[in-house]
Amino acid sequence: MAAQATAEGAADQLVREEMIKMLEADASAFPVKGAPEVKKKKPLKQLPAELLAAAKEMLAAEVEALQQAVPPPSAAELEAAMEEVSTELAYVPSLQKFGLLSQASKAERLQVPQQQLQLVKNFMARDAKKAAKIEKKLDVLLGGYKKRASALAADLQEKQQLVRDKDIELNCFKQLQGHEAIALPQRLSEMQALVGEQTAREAELQAKYAELERMRLTLREQLAAKAR
């Protein structure tokens, strides 16, 4: 049983090493933009077609046997396995290759998040440069619209201020109108009383004038009679 476990472990190690070689070859042949430059890797040796066909048949037979012996994993199990593999396999800058974190030293394990952080910074710097270029192009393209919008905004603010001023004036006139409406009956009554007083005074003066006129005529008649 121990020998079988050892054999399985060795086979698993061989598979992992081949996976690492394939990943390194792909990373060297197709580098990611913005990532630090790595040493070019020697391309993988091209295998003969008959060996590839035989390997595919062996894989298909193994997969079929496993499917019959072991039930297919659930989506949660697959996700957990992928998460375990993704956290176990990482690029180690000091080694300049992908490796298993369980086999790396503490210093090498600390380099992994630092490398990932540097990659994120590089991506952010690249995107910032792109955004700056796009912003400049937009400024050139939309410069006239911005000036027009600024002029319209200033004119709109001026018109809004004018409307507010006129609204204040209107409210003042409405308040004056309300006060006048309250005071108008009293003023009308006072004017009517004054007119009545003036009318009575005028009638009194007219009567007095008529009395004086009669007295003047009487005196003239008396003077004329004495003169005869």
C-alpha atoms as a PDB file:
ATOM      1  CA  MET A   1       0.000   0.000   0.000  1.00  0.00           C
ATOM      2  CA  ALA A   2       2.873   2.358   0.860  1.00  0.00           C
ATOM      3  CA  ALA A   3       4.616   1.462  -2.404  1.00  0.00           C
ATOM      4  CA  GLN A   4       1.432   2.249  -4.342  1.00  0.00           C
ATOM      5  CA  ALA A   5       1.136   5.614  -2.595  1.00  0.00           C
ATOM      6  CA  THR A   6       4.789   6.341  -3.368  1.00  0.00           C
ATOM      7  CA  ALA A   7       4.248   5.442  -7.018  1.00  0.00           C
ATOM      8  CA  GLU A   8       1.166   7.651  -7.226  1.00  0.00           C
ATOM      9  CA  GLY A   9       3.083  10.510  -5.630  1.00  0.00           C
ATOM     10  CA  ALA A  10       5.924  10.113  -8.110  1.00  0.00           C
ATOM     11  CA  ALA A  11       3.471  10.039 -11.011  1.00  0.00           C
ATOM     12  CA  ASP A  12       1.727  13.104  -9.669  1.00  0.00           C
ATOM     13  CA  GLN A  13       5.086  14.857  -9.353  1.00  0.00           C
ATOM     14  CA  LEU A  14       5.951  14.001 -12.962  1.00  0.00           C
ATOM     15  CA  VAL A  15       2.598  15.376 -14.128  1.00  0.00           C
ATOM     16  CA  ARG A  16       3.151  18.572 -12.170  1.00  0.00           C
ATOM     17  CA  GLU A  17       6.642  19.004 -13.589  1.00  0.00           C
ATOM     18  CA  GLU A  18       5.330  18.580 -17.121  1.00  0.00           C
ATOM     19  CA  MET A  19       2.578  21.103 -16.410  1.00  0.00           C
ATOM     20  CA  ILE A  20       5.168  23.578 -15.144  1.00  0.00           C
ATOM     21  CA  LYS A  21       7.280  23.081 -18.259  1.00  0.00           C
ATOM     22  CA  MET A  22       4.256  23.667 -20.484  1.00  0.00           C
ATOM     23  CA  LEU A  23       3.283  26.811 -18.565  1.00  0.00           C
ATOM     24  CA  GLU A  24       6.829  28.152 -18.717  1.00  0.00           C
ATOM     25  CA  ALA A  25       7.035  27.451 -22.445  1.00  0.00           C
ATOM     26  CA  ASP A  26       3.697  29.186 -23.059  1.00  0.00           C
ATOM     27  CA  ALA A  27       4.724  32.166 -20.914  1.00  0.00           C
ATOM     28  CA  SER A  28       7.969  32.465 -22.860  1.00  0.00           C
ATOM     29  CA  ALA A  29       6.304  32.097 -26.253  1.00  0.00           C
ATOM     30  CA  PHE A  30       3.323  34.337 -25.435  1.00  0.00           C
ATOM     31  CA  PRO A  31       4.436  36.929 -22.820  1.00  0.00           C
ATOM     32  CA  VAL A  32       1.785  38.991 -21.056  1.00  0.00           C
ATOM     33  CA  LYS A  33       1.918  42.718 -21.813  1.00  0.00           C
ATOM     34  CA  GLY A  34       3.167  44.704 -18.848  1.00  0.00           C
ATOM     35  CA  ALA A  35       4.679  41.683 -17.100  1.00  0.00           C
ATOM     36  CA  PRO A  36       8.398  41.712 -16.234  1.00  0.00           C
ATOM     37  CA  GLU A  37      10.618  40.194 -18.871  1.00  0.00           C
ATOM     38  CA  VAL A  38      11.690  36.637 -18.154  1.00  0.00           C
ATOM     39  CA  LYS A  39      14.476  34.562 -19.555  1.00  0.00           C
ATOM     40  CA  LYS A  40      13.518  32.892 -22.789  1.00  0.00           C
ATOM     41  CA  LYS A  41      12.842  29.193 -22.368  1.00  0.00           C
ATOM     42  CA  LYS A  42      13.854  26.540 -24.810  1.00  0.00           C
ATOM     43  CA  PRO A  43      10.805  25.463 -26.836  1.00  0.00           C
ATOM     44  CA  LEU A  44       9.389  22.055 -25.992  1.00  0.00           C
ATOM     45  CA  LYS A  45      10.462  19.201 -28.181  1.00  0.00           C
ATOM     46  CA  GLN A  46       7.855  18.311 -30.778  1.00  0.00           C
ATOM     47  CA  LEU A  47       6.757  14.708 -30.326  1.00  0.00           C
ATOM     48  CA  PRO A  48       5.974  12.427 -33.263  1.00  0.00           C
ATOM     49  CA  ALA A  49       2.342  12.195 -34.292  1.00  0.00           C
ATOM     50  CA  GLU A  50       2.146   8.476 -33.470  1.00  0.00           C
ATOM     51  CA  LEU A  51       3.294   9.104 -29.898  1.00  0.00           C
ATOM     52  CA  LEU A  52       0.721  11.878 -29.474  1.00  0.00           C
ATOM     53  CA  ALA A  53      -2.002   9.606 -30.856  1.00  0.00           C
ATOM     54  CA  ALA A  54      -0.957   6.810 -28.500  1.00  0.00           C
ATOM     55  CA  ALA A  55      -0.927   9.238 -25.568  1.00  0.00           C
ATOM     56  CA  LYS A  56      -4.418  10.450 -26.463  1.00  0.00           C
ATOM     57  CA  GLU A  57      -5.664   6.849 -26.560  1.00  0.00           C
ATOM     58  CA  MET A  58      -4.075   6.133 -23.177  1.00  0.00           C
ATOM     59  CA  LEU A  59      -5.611   9.280 -21.714  1.00  0.00           C
ATOM     60  CA  ALA A  60      -9.026   8.430 -23.132  1.00  0.00           C
ATOM     61  CA  ALA A  61      -8.802   4.903 -21.700  1.00  0.00           C
ATOM     62  CA  GLU A  62      -7.672   6.236 -18.323  1.00  0.00           C
ATOM     63  CA  VAL A  63     -10.457   8.811 -18.259  1.00  0.00           C
ATOM     64  CA  GLU A  64     -13.046   6.173 -19.102  1.00  0.00           C
ATOM     65  CA  ALA A  65     -11.706   3.869 -16.396  1.00  0.00           C
ATOM     66  CA  LEU A  66     -11.740   6.651 -13.841  1.00  0.00           C
ATOM     67  CA  GLN A  67     -15.268   7.649 -14.803  1.00  0.00           C
ATOM     68  CA  GLN A  68     -16.435   4.085 -14.256  1.00  0.00           C
ATOM     69  CA  ALA A  69     -14.539   3.647 -10.995  1.00  0.00           C
ATOM     70  CA  VAL A  70     -15.045   7.075  -9.507  1.00  0.00           C
ATOM     71  CA  PRO A  71     -18.264   9.120  -9.720  1.00  0.00           C
ATOM     72  CA  PRO A  72     -17.859  12.450 -11.514  1.00  0.00           C
ATOM     73  CA  PRO A  73     -16.998  15.291  -9.127  1.00  0.00           C
ATOM     74  CA  SER A  74     -19.539  17.953  -8.325  1.00  0.00           C
ATOM     75  CA  ALA A  75     -19.156  21.572  -9.357  1.00  0.00           C
ATOM     76  CA  ALA A  76     -18.211  22.493  -5.783  1.00  0.00           C
ATOM     77  CA  GLU A  77     -15.507  19.808  -5.706  1.00  0.00           C
ATOM     78  CA  LEU A  78     -14.108  20.971  -9.040  1.00  0.00           C
ATOM     79  CA  GLU A  79     -14.075  24.555  -7.849  1.00  0.00           C
ATOM     80  CA  ALA A  80     -12.297  23.566  -4.628  1.00  0.00           C
ATOM     81  CA  ALA A  81      -9.706  21.559  -6.575  1.00  0.00           C
ATOM     82  CA  MET A  82      -9.063  24.431  -8.978  1.00  0.00           C
ATOM     83  CA  GLU A  83      -8.719  26.811  -6.053  1.00  0.00           C
ATOM     84  CA  GLU A  84      -6.217  24.487  -4.389  1.00  0.00           C
ATOM     85  CA  VAL A  85      -4.162  24.165  -7.568  1.00  0.00           C
ATOM     86  CA  SER A  86      -4.226  27.916  -8.263  1.00  0.00           C
ATOM     87  CA  THR A  87      -3.048  28.691  -4.735  1.00  0.00           C
ATOM     88  CA  GLU A  88      -0.373  25.971  -4.792  1.00  0.00           C
ATOM     89  CA  LEU A  89       1.167  26.829  -8.182  1.00  0.00           C
ATOM     90  CA  ALA A  90       2.699  30.292  -8.585  1.00  0.00           C
ATOM     91  CA  TYR A  91       5.468  32.137 -10.381  1.00  0.00           C
ATOM     92  CA  VAL A  92       8.535  32.599  -8.153  1.00  0.00           C
ATOM     93  CA  PRO A  93      10.576  35.646  -9.309  1.00  0.00           C
ATOM     94  CA  SER A  94      13.872  34.511  -7.767  1.00  0.00           C
ATOM     95  CA  LEU A  95      13.610  31.195  -9.598  1.00  0.00           C
ATOM     96  CA  GLN A  96      12.186  32.878 -12.726  1.00  0.00           C
ATOM     97  CA  LYS A  97       9.769  30.015 -13.179  1.00  0.00           C
ATOM     98  CA  PHE A  98       6.528  28.574 -11.846  1.00  0.00           C
ATOM     99  CA  GLY A  99       6.805  26.309  -8.858  1.00  0.00           C
ATOM    100  CA  LEU A 100       4.920  24.729  -5.980  1.00  0.00           C
ATOM    101  CA  LEU A 101       4.587  26.988  -2.979  1.00  0.00           C
ATOM    102  CA  SER A 102       4.828  23.996  -0.664  1.00  0.00           C
ATOM    103  CA  GLN A 103       8.328  23.354  -1.980  1.00  0.00           C
ATOM    104  CA  ALA A 104       9.421  27.011  -1.921  1.00  0.00           C
ATOM    105  CA  SER A 105      11.234  28.710   0.922  1.00  0.00           C
ATOM    106  CA  LYS A 106       9.598  31.350   3.086  1.00  0.00           C
ATOM    107  CA  ALA A 107      11.426  34.139   1.254  1.00  0.00           C
ATOM    108  CA  GLU A 108      10.317  32.745  -2.112  1.00  0.00           C
ATOM    109  CA  ARG A 109       6.709  32.479  -0.909  1.00  0.00           C
ATOM    110  CA  LEU A 110       6.832  36.128   0.148  1.00  0.00           C
ATOM    111  CA  GLN A 111       7.971  37.084  -3.342  1.00  0.00           C
ATOM    112  CA  VAL A 112       4.764  35.746  -4.901  1.00  0.00           C
ATOM    113  CA  PRO A 113       2.306  38.389  -3.558  1.00  0.00           C
ATOM    114  CA  GLN A 114       4.946  41.062  -4.167  1.00  0.00           C
ATOM    115  CA  GLN A 115       5.202  39.944  -7.781  1.00  0.00           C
ATOM    116  CA  GLN A 116       1.414  39.916  -8.123  1.00  0.00           C
ATOM    117  CA  LEU A 117       1.241  43.406  -6.621  1.00  0.00           C
ATOM    118  CA  GLN A 118       3.879  44.634  -9.065  1.00  0.00           C
ATOM    119  CA  LEU A 119       1.910  43.152 -11.956  1.00  0.00           C
ATOM    120  CA  VAL A 120      -1.221  44.932 -10.781  1.00  0.00           C
ATOM    121  CA  LYS A 121       0.745  48.188 -10.517  1.00  0.00           C
ATOM    122  CA  ASN A 122       2.066  47.699 -14.045  1.00  0.00           C
ATOM    123  CA  PHE A 123      -1.444  47.074 -15.357  1.00  0.00           C
ATOM    124  CA  MET A 124      -2.723  50.162 -13.518  1.00  0.00           C
ATOM    125  CA  ALA A 125       0.109  52.302 -14.914  1.00  0.00           C
ATOM    126  CA  ARG A 126      -0.606  51.029 -18.412  1.00  0.00           C
ATOM    127  CA  ASP A 127      -4.323  51.738 -18.068  1.00  0.00           C
ATOM    128  CA  ALA A 128      -3.561  55.187 -16.616  1.00  0.00           C
ATOM    129  CA  LYS A 129      -1.443  56.043 -19.673  1.00  0.00           C
ATOM    130  CA  LYS A 130      -4.200  54.851 -21.979  1.00  0.00           C
ATOM    131  CA  ALA A 131      -6.771  56.871 -20.038  1.00  0.00           C
ATOM    132  CA  ALA A 132      -4.573  59.995 -20.233  1.00  0.00           C
ATOM    133  CA  LYS A 133      -4.234  59.630 -24.002  1.00  0.00           C
ATOM    134  CA  ILE A 134      -7.966  59.117 -24.407  1.00  0.00           C
ATOM    135  CA  GLU A 135      -8.635  62.129 -22.167  1.00  0.00           C
ATOM    136  CA  LYS A 136      -6.401  64.312 -24.346  1.00  0.00           C
ATOM    137  CA  LYS A 137      -8.196  63.139 -27.473  1.00  0.00           C
ATOM    138  CA  LEU A 138     -11.549  63.854 -25.856  1.00  0.00           C
ATOM    139  CA  ASP A 139     -10.383  67.329 -24.830  1.00  0.00           C
ATOM    140  CA  VAL A 140      -9.484  68.074 -28.450  1.00  0.00           C
ATOM    141  CA  LEU A 141     -12.700  66.539 -29.739  1.00  0.00           C
ATOM    142  CA  LEU A 142     -15.001  68.087 -27.150  1.00  0.00           C
ATOM    143  CA  GLY A 143     -13.154  71.385 -26.588  1.00  0.00           C
ATOM    144  CA  GLY A 144     -15.695  73.437 -28.560  1.00  0.00           C
ATOM    145  CA  TYR A 145     -18.618  71.727 -26.865  1.00  0.00           C
ATOM    146  CA  LYS A 146     -17.093  72.405 -23.437  1.00  0.00           C
ATOM    147  CA  LYS A 147     -16.677  76.119 -24.224  1.00  0.00           C
ATOM    148  CA  ARG A 148     -20.230  76.297 -25.537  1.00  0.00           C
ATOM    149  CA  ALA A 149     -21.522  74.451 -22.480  1.00  0.00           C
ATOM    150  CA  SER A 150     -19.598  76.808 -20.183  1.00  0.00           C
ATOM    151  CA  ALA A 151     -21.029  79.871 -21.961  1.00  0.00           C
ATOM    152  CA  LEU A 152     -24.556  78.455 -21.811  1.00  0.00           C
ATOM    153  CA  ALA A 153     -24.120  77.597 -18.132  1.00  0.00           C
ATOM    154  CA  ALA A 154     -22.996  81.165 -17.357  1.00  0.00           C
ATOM    155  CA  ASP A 155     -25.923  82.590 -19.343  1.00  0.00           C
ATOM    156  CA  LEU A 156     -28.314  80.233 -17.580  1.00  0.00           C
ATOM    157  CA  GLN A 157     -27.011  81.311 -14.173  1.00  0.00           C
ATOM    158  CA  GLU A 158     -27.459  84.951 -15.176  1.00  0.00           C
ATOM    159  CA  LYS A 159     -31.022  84.291 -16.306  1.00  0.00           C
ATOM    160  CA  GLN A 160     -31.765  82.378 -13.120  1.00  0.00           C
ATOM    161  CA  GLN A 161     -30.473  85.292 -11.036  1.00  0.00           C
ATOM    162  CA  LEU A 162     -32.623  87.680 -13.067  1.00  0.00           C
ATOM    163  CA  VAL A 163     -35.675  85.486 -12.479  1.00  0.00           C
ATOM    164  CA  ARG A 164     -34.931  85.430  -8.737  1.00  0.00           C
ATOM    165  CA  ASP A 165     -34.597  89.230  -8.669  1.00  0.00           C
ATOM    166  CA  LYS A 166     -37.872  89.686 -10.551  1.00  0.00           C
ATOM    167  CA  ASP A 167     -39.545  87.197  -8.260  1.00  0.00           C
ATOM    168  CA  ILE A 168     -38.416  89.257  -5.251  1.00  0.00           C
ATOM    169  CA  GLU A 169     -39.777  92.428  -6.883  1.00  0.00           C
ATOM    170  CA  LEU A 170     -43.070  90.687  -7.659  1.00  0.00           C
ATOM    171  CA  ASN A 171     -43.422  89.531  -4.058  1.00  0.00           C
ATOM    172  CA  CYS A 172     -42.713  93.077  -2.851  1.00  0.00           C
ATOM    173  CA  PHE A 173     -45.396  94.499  -5.149  1.00  0.00           C
ATOM    174  CA  LYS A 174     -47.844  91.831  -4.026  1.00  0.00           C
ATOM    175  CA  GLN A 175     -47.219  92.740  -0.396  1.00  0.00           C
ATOM    176  CA  LEU A 176     -47.693  96.431  -1.197  1.00  0.00           C
ATOM    177  CA  GLN A 177     -50.894  95.574  -3.037  1.00  0.00           C
ATOM    178  CA  GLY A 178     -52.137  93.655  -0.020  1.00  0.00           C
ATOM    179  CA  HIS A 179     -51.343  96.544   2.317  1.00  0.00           C
ATOM    180  CA  GLU A 180     -53.030  98.998  -0.044  1.00  0.00           C
ATOM    181  CA  ALA A 181     -56.091  96.771  -0.254  1.00  0.00           C
ATOM    182  CA  ILE A 182     -56.315  96.799   3.557  1.00  0.00           C
ATOM    183  CA  ALA A 183     -55.770 100.571   3.854  1.00  0.00           C
ATOM    184  CA  LEU A 184     -57.971 101.555   0.870  1.00  0.00           C
ATOM    185  CA  PRO A 185     -61.384 101.424   2.632  1.00  0.00           C
ATOM    186  CA  GLN A 186     -60.090 103.599   5.461  1.00  0.00           C
ATOM    187  CA  ARG A 187     -58.544 106.082   3.034  1.00  0.00           C
ATOM    188  CA  LEU A 188     -61.739 106.146   0.955  1.00  0.00           C
ATOM    189  CA  SER A 189     -63.794 106.790   4.053  1.00  0.00           C
ATOM    190  CA  GLU A 190     -61.460 109.613   5.092  1.00  0.00           C
ATOM    191  CA  MET A 191     -61.610 111.153   1.606  1.00  0.00           C
ATOM    192  CA  GLN A 192     -65.413 110.908   1.573  1.00  0.00           C
ATOM    193  CA  ALA A 193     -65.574 112.597   4.968  1.00  0.00           C
ATOM    194  CA  LEU A 194     -63.213 115.322   3.751  1.00  0.00           C
ATOM    195  CA  VAL A 195     -65.310 115.825   0.611  1.00  0.00           C
ATOM    196  CA  GLY A 196     -68.421 116.054   2.753  1.00  0.00           C
ATOM    197  CA  GLU A 197     -66.770 118.639   4.955  1.00  0.00           C
ATOM    198  CA  GLN A 198     -65.609 120.621   1.931  1.00  0.00           C
ATOM    199  CA  THR A 199     -69.108 120.444   0.385  1.00  0.00           C
ATOM    200  CA  ALA A 200     -70.736 121.639   3.591  1.00  0.00           C
ATOM    201  CA  ARG A 201     -68.149 124.385   3.973  1.00  0.00           C
ATOM    202  CA  GLU A 202     -68.719 125.449   0.364  1.00  0.00           C
ATOM    203  CA  ALA A 203     -72.498 125.514   0.848  1.00  0.00           C
ATOM    204  CA  GLU A 204     -72.058 127.556   4.004  1.00  0.00           C
ATOM    205  CA  LEU A 205     -69.804 130.009   2.190  1.00  0.00           C
ATOM    206  CA  GLN A 206     -72.215 130.211  -0.733  1.00  0.00           C
ATOM    207  CA  ALA A 207     -75.076 131.017   1.632  1.00  0.00           C
ATOM    208  CA  LYS A 208     -72.974 133.624   3.399  1.00  0.00           C
ATOM    209  CA  TYR A 209     -71.975 135.113   0.050  1.00  0.00           C
ATOM    210  CA  ALA A 210     -75.619 135.281  -1.001  1.00  0.00           C
ATOM    211  CA  GLU A 211     -76.511 136.997   2.285  1.00  0.00           C
ATOM    212  CA  LEU A 212     -73.720 139.519   1.819  1.00  0.00           C
ATOM    213  CA  GLU A 213     -74.799 140.123  -1.760  1.00  0.00           C
ATOM    214  CA  ARG A 214     -78.350 140.881  -0.601  1.00  0.00           C
ATOM    215  CA  MET A 215     -76.999 143.229   2.008  1.00  0.00           C
ATOM    216  CA  ARG A 216     -74.880 144.989  -0.638  1.00  0.00           C
ATOM    217  CA  LEU A 217     -77.877 145.425  -2.917  1.00  0.00           C
ATOM    218  CA  THR A 218     -79.992 146.715  -0.047  1.00  0.00           C
ATOM    219  CA  LEU A 219     -77.345 149.248   0.900  1.00  0.00           C
ATOM    220  CA  ARG A 220     -77.054 150.430  -2.677  1.00  0.00           C
ATOM    221  CA  GLU A 221     -80.786 150.898  -2.889  1.00  0.00           C
ATOM    222  CA  GLN A 222     -80.783 152.834   0.382  1.00  0.00           C
ATOM    223  CA  LEU A 223     -77.936 155.052  -0.786  1.00  0.00           C
ATOM    224  CA  ALA A 224     -79.659 155.677  -4.095  1.00  0.00           C
ATOM    225  CA  ALA A 225     -82.890 156.641  -2.325  1.00  0.00           C
ATOM    226  CA  LYS A 226     -81.093 159.123  -0.089  1.00  0.00           C
ATOM    227  CA  ALA A 227     -79.354 160.670  -3.069  1.00  0.00           C
ATOM    228  CA  ARG A 228     -82.716 161.474  -4.698  1.00  0.00           C
END
